[in-house]
């Protein structure tokens, strides 16, 4: 997968199916707030990328399984690396991130928690990785 060339392999990857099946996992969305508001994985918590700081996740136990994601996995890998360096032992980067989640027909919700097909595609260049859903750029 070409997308794999973007990763630095500093955080273990997890498939969408494995992440969905991971008991008691906390999903952290590392995209910009407007991206999260368009749609996100149900139950995911927004922590941002530019805005991310370790105090935002201090309520999460170091042993809790954590799945970080963004659009394709680059921003989330960087946040995941910070968490691993801080002592979190079970941090995983969602392989292909939200775009792959949607491509596999997994559920997403909008800011009101309602199911949606809209996905913030970040930019037309990055949007090529999103094969399903309705692309939104603002």
Protein backbone atom coordinates (compact mmCIF):
# COMPACT_ATOMS: atom_id res chain seq x y z
CA UNK A 1 0.00 0.00 0.00
CA UNK A 2 1.45 3.37 -1.01
CA UNK A 3 -0.01 4.93 2.09
CA UNK A 4 2.40 2.87 4.17
CA UNK A 5 5.28 4.88 2.75
CA UNK A 6 3.98 7.92 4.65
CA UNK A 7 4.33 6.20 8.02
CA UNK A 8 7.53 6.24 10.05
CA UNK A 9 6.53 3.00 11.84
CA UNK A 10 6.97 4.65 15.23
CA UNK A 11 3.56 3.48 16.46
CA UNK A 12 2.16 -0.02 15.83
CA UNK A 13 -0.54 -0.09 13.17
CA UNK A 14 -3.90 -1.72 13.81
CA UNK A 15 -6.45 -2.73 11.18
CA UNK A 16 -9.97 -1.32 11.22
CA UNK A 17 -11.45 -4.72 12.12
CA UNK A 18 -8.95 -5.29 14.95
CA UNK A 19 -9.49 -1.76 16.30
CA UNK A 20 -13.26 -2.20 16.23
CA UNK A 21 -12.90 -5.47 18.16
CA UNK A 22 -10.42 -4.09 20.73
CA UNK A 23 -12.20 -4.27 24.08
CA UNK A 24 -12.36 -1.04 26.09
CA UNK A 25 -10.28 0.86 23.54
CA UNK A 26 -10.36 4.65 23.59
CA UNK A 27 -10.42 6.20 20.11
CA UNK A 28 -8.69 9.58 19.81
CA UNK A 29 -9.30 11.81 16.80
CA UNK A 30 -6.20 13.88 16.06
CA UNK A 31 -7.63 15.97 13.21
CA UNK A 32 -8.59 19.64 13.31
CA UNK A 33 -11.88 20.37 15.08
CA UNK A 34 -13.80 21.22 11.87
CA UNK A 35 -12.79 17.81 10.44
CA UNK A 36 -14.02 16.03 13.58
CA UNK A 37 -17.28 17.98 13.54
CA UNK A 38 -18.10 16.82 9.99
CA UNK A 39 -17.74 13.19 11.06
CA UNK A 40 -15.80 10.88 13.34
CA UNK A 41 -15.79 7.33 14.66
CA UNK A 42 -18.67 6.87 17.14
CA UNK A 43 -17.45 7.47 20.68
CA UNK A 44 -14.14 8.95 19.54
CA UNK A 45 -12.72 11.77 21.57
CA UNK A 46 -11.28 14.83 19.87
CA UNK A 47 -7.75 15.73 20.97
CA UNK A 48 -6.54 17.54 17.86
CA UNK A 49 -3.10 17.65 16.33
CA UNK A 50 -1.93 21.26 16.65
CA UNK A 51 -3.89 21.43 19.92
CA UNK A 52 -2.79 18.07 21.32
CA UNK A 53 -1.08 17.99 24.71
CA UNK A 54 -0.54 15.18 27.21
CA UNK A 55 -2.73 16.84 29.88
CA UNK A 56 -5.69 16.29 27.51
CA UNK A 57 -5.32 12.53 27.96
CA UNK A 58 -4.19 12.34 31.60
CA UNK A 59 -7.49 10.67 32.57
CA UNK A 60 -6.61 7.67 30.37
CA UNK A 61 -4.68 4.91 32.14
CA UNK A 62 -1.24 4.08 30.72
CA UNK A 63 -2.46 0.49 30.18
CA UNK A 64 -5.72 1.36 28.38
CA UNK A 65 -5.77 0.42 24.69
CA UNK A 66 -5.75 3.66 22.67
CA UNK A 67 -6.42 3.92 18.93
CA UNK A 68 -5.32 7.21 17.37
CA UNK A 69 -6.50 8.28 13.94
CA UNK A 70 -6.67 11.24 11.58
CA UNK A 71 -7.45 11.30 7.85
CA UNK A 72 -4.82 8.86 6.59
CA UNK A 73 -2.60 8.23 9.64
CA UNK A 74 0.26 10.74 9.51
CA UNK A 75 -0.89 13.21 12.17
CA UNK A 76 -2.17 10.42 14.39
CA UNK A 77 1.17 8.61 14.23
CA UNK A 78 2.89 11.72 15.59
CA UNK A 79 0.38 12.05 18.45
CA UNK A 80 0.66 8.32 19.16
CA UNK A 81 4.44 8.63 19.37
CA UNK A 82 4.12 11.38 21.99
CA UNK A 83 1.79 9.17 24.02
CA UNK A 84 4.09 6.14 23.80
CA UNK A 85 7.07 8.27 24.85
CA UNK A 86 5.02 9.46 27.85
CA UNK A 87 4.45 5.86 29.00
CA UNK A 88 1.22 4.74 27.32
CA UNK A 89 1.82 1.07 26.55
CA UNK A 90 -1.03 0.17 24.18
CA UNK A 91 -1.22 2.96 21.61
CA UNK A 92 -2.08 1.95 18.05
CA UNK A 93 -2.32 3.99 14.86
CA UNK A 94 -5.41 3.09 12.82
CA UNK A 95 -4.03 1.82 9.50
CA UNK A 96 -5.43 4.11 6.80
CA UNK A 97 -7.18 6.08 9.54
CA UNK A 98 -10.67 7.50 9.04
CA UNK A 99 -10.51 7.26 5.24
CA UNK A 100 -9.90 3.51 5.41
CA UNK A 101 -12.56 3.15 8.13
CA UNK A 102 -15.10 4.73 5.77
CA UNK A 103 -13.78 2.77 2.78
CA UNK A 104 -14.57 -0.40 4.76
CA UNK A 105 -18.16 0.77 5.38
CA UNK A 106 -17.67 1.22 9.11
CA UNK A 107 -19.94 3.71 10.91
CA UNK A 108 -19.24 7.40 11.36
CA UNK A 109 -21.28 10.10 13.08
CA UNK A 110 -21.54 13.88 12.86
CA UNK A 111 -21.13 16.45 15.65
CA UNK A 112 -24.68 15.66 16.85
CA UNK A 113 -23.90 11.93 17.07
CA UNK A 114 -26.09 11.08 14.09
CA UNK A 115 -24.95 8.64 11.37
CA UNK A 116 -23.58 10.42 8.29
CA UNK A 117 -21.82 9.72 5.02
CA UNK A 118 -19.99 13.06 5.00
CA UNK A 119 -16.25 12.95 5.50
CA UNK A 120 -13.88 15.91 5.68
CA UNK A 121 -11.41 14.93 2.98
CA UNK A 122 -8.76 17.42 4.17
CA UNK A 123 -7.78 18.47 0.63
CA UNK A 124 -8.37 17.25 -2.94
CA UNK A 125 -4.86 15.76 -2.96
CA UNK A 126 -5.51 13.72 0.19
CA UNK A 127 -9.12 13.04 -0.80
CA UNK A 128 -7.95 10.53 -3.42
CA UNK A 129 -7.55 7.99 -0.58
CA UNK A 130 -11.25 8.26 0.27
CA UNK A 131 -13.18 5.97 -2.07
CA UNK A 132 -16.53 6.03 -0.26
CA UNK A 133 -18.60 8.58 1.59
CA UNK A 134 -19.39 12.16 0.60
CA UNK A 135 -16.27 14.34 0.48
CA UNK A 136 -16.43 17.70 2.27
CA UNK A 137 -13.60 20.23 2.15
CA UNK A 138 -14.75 22.96 4.53
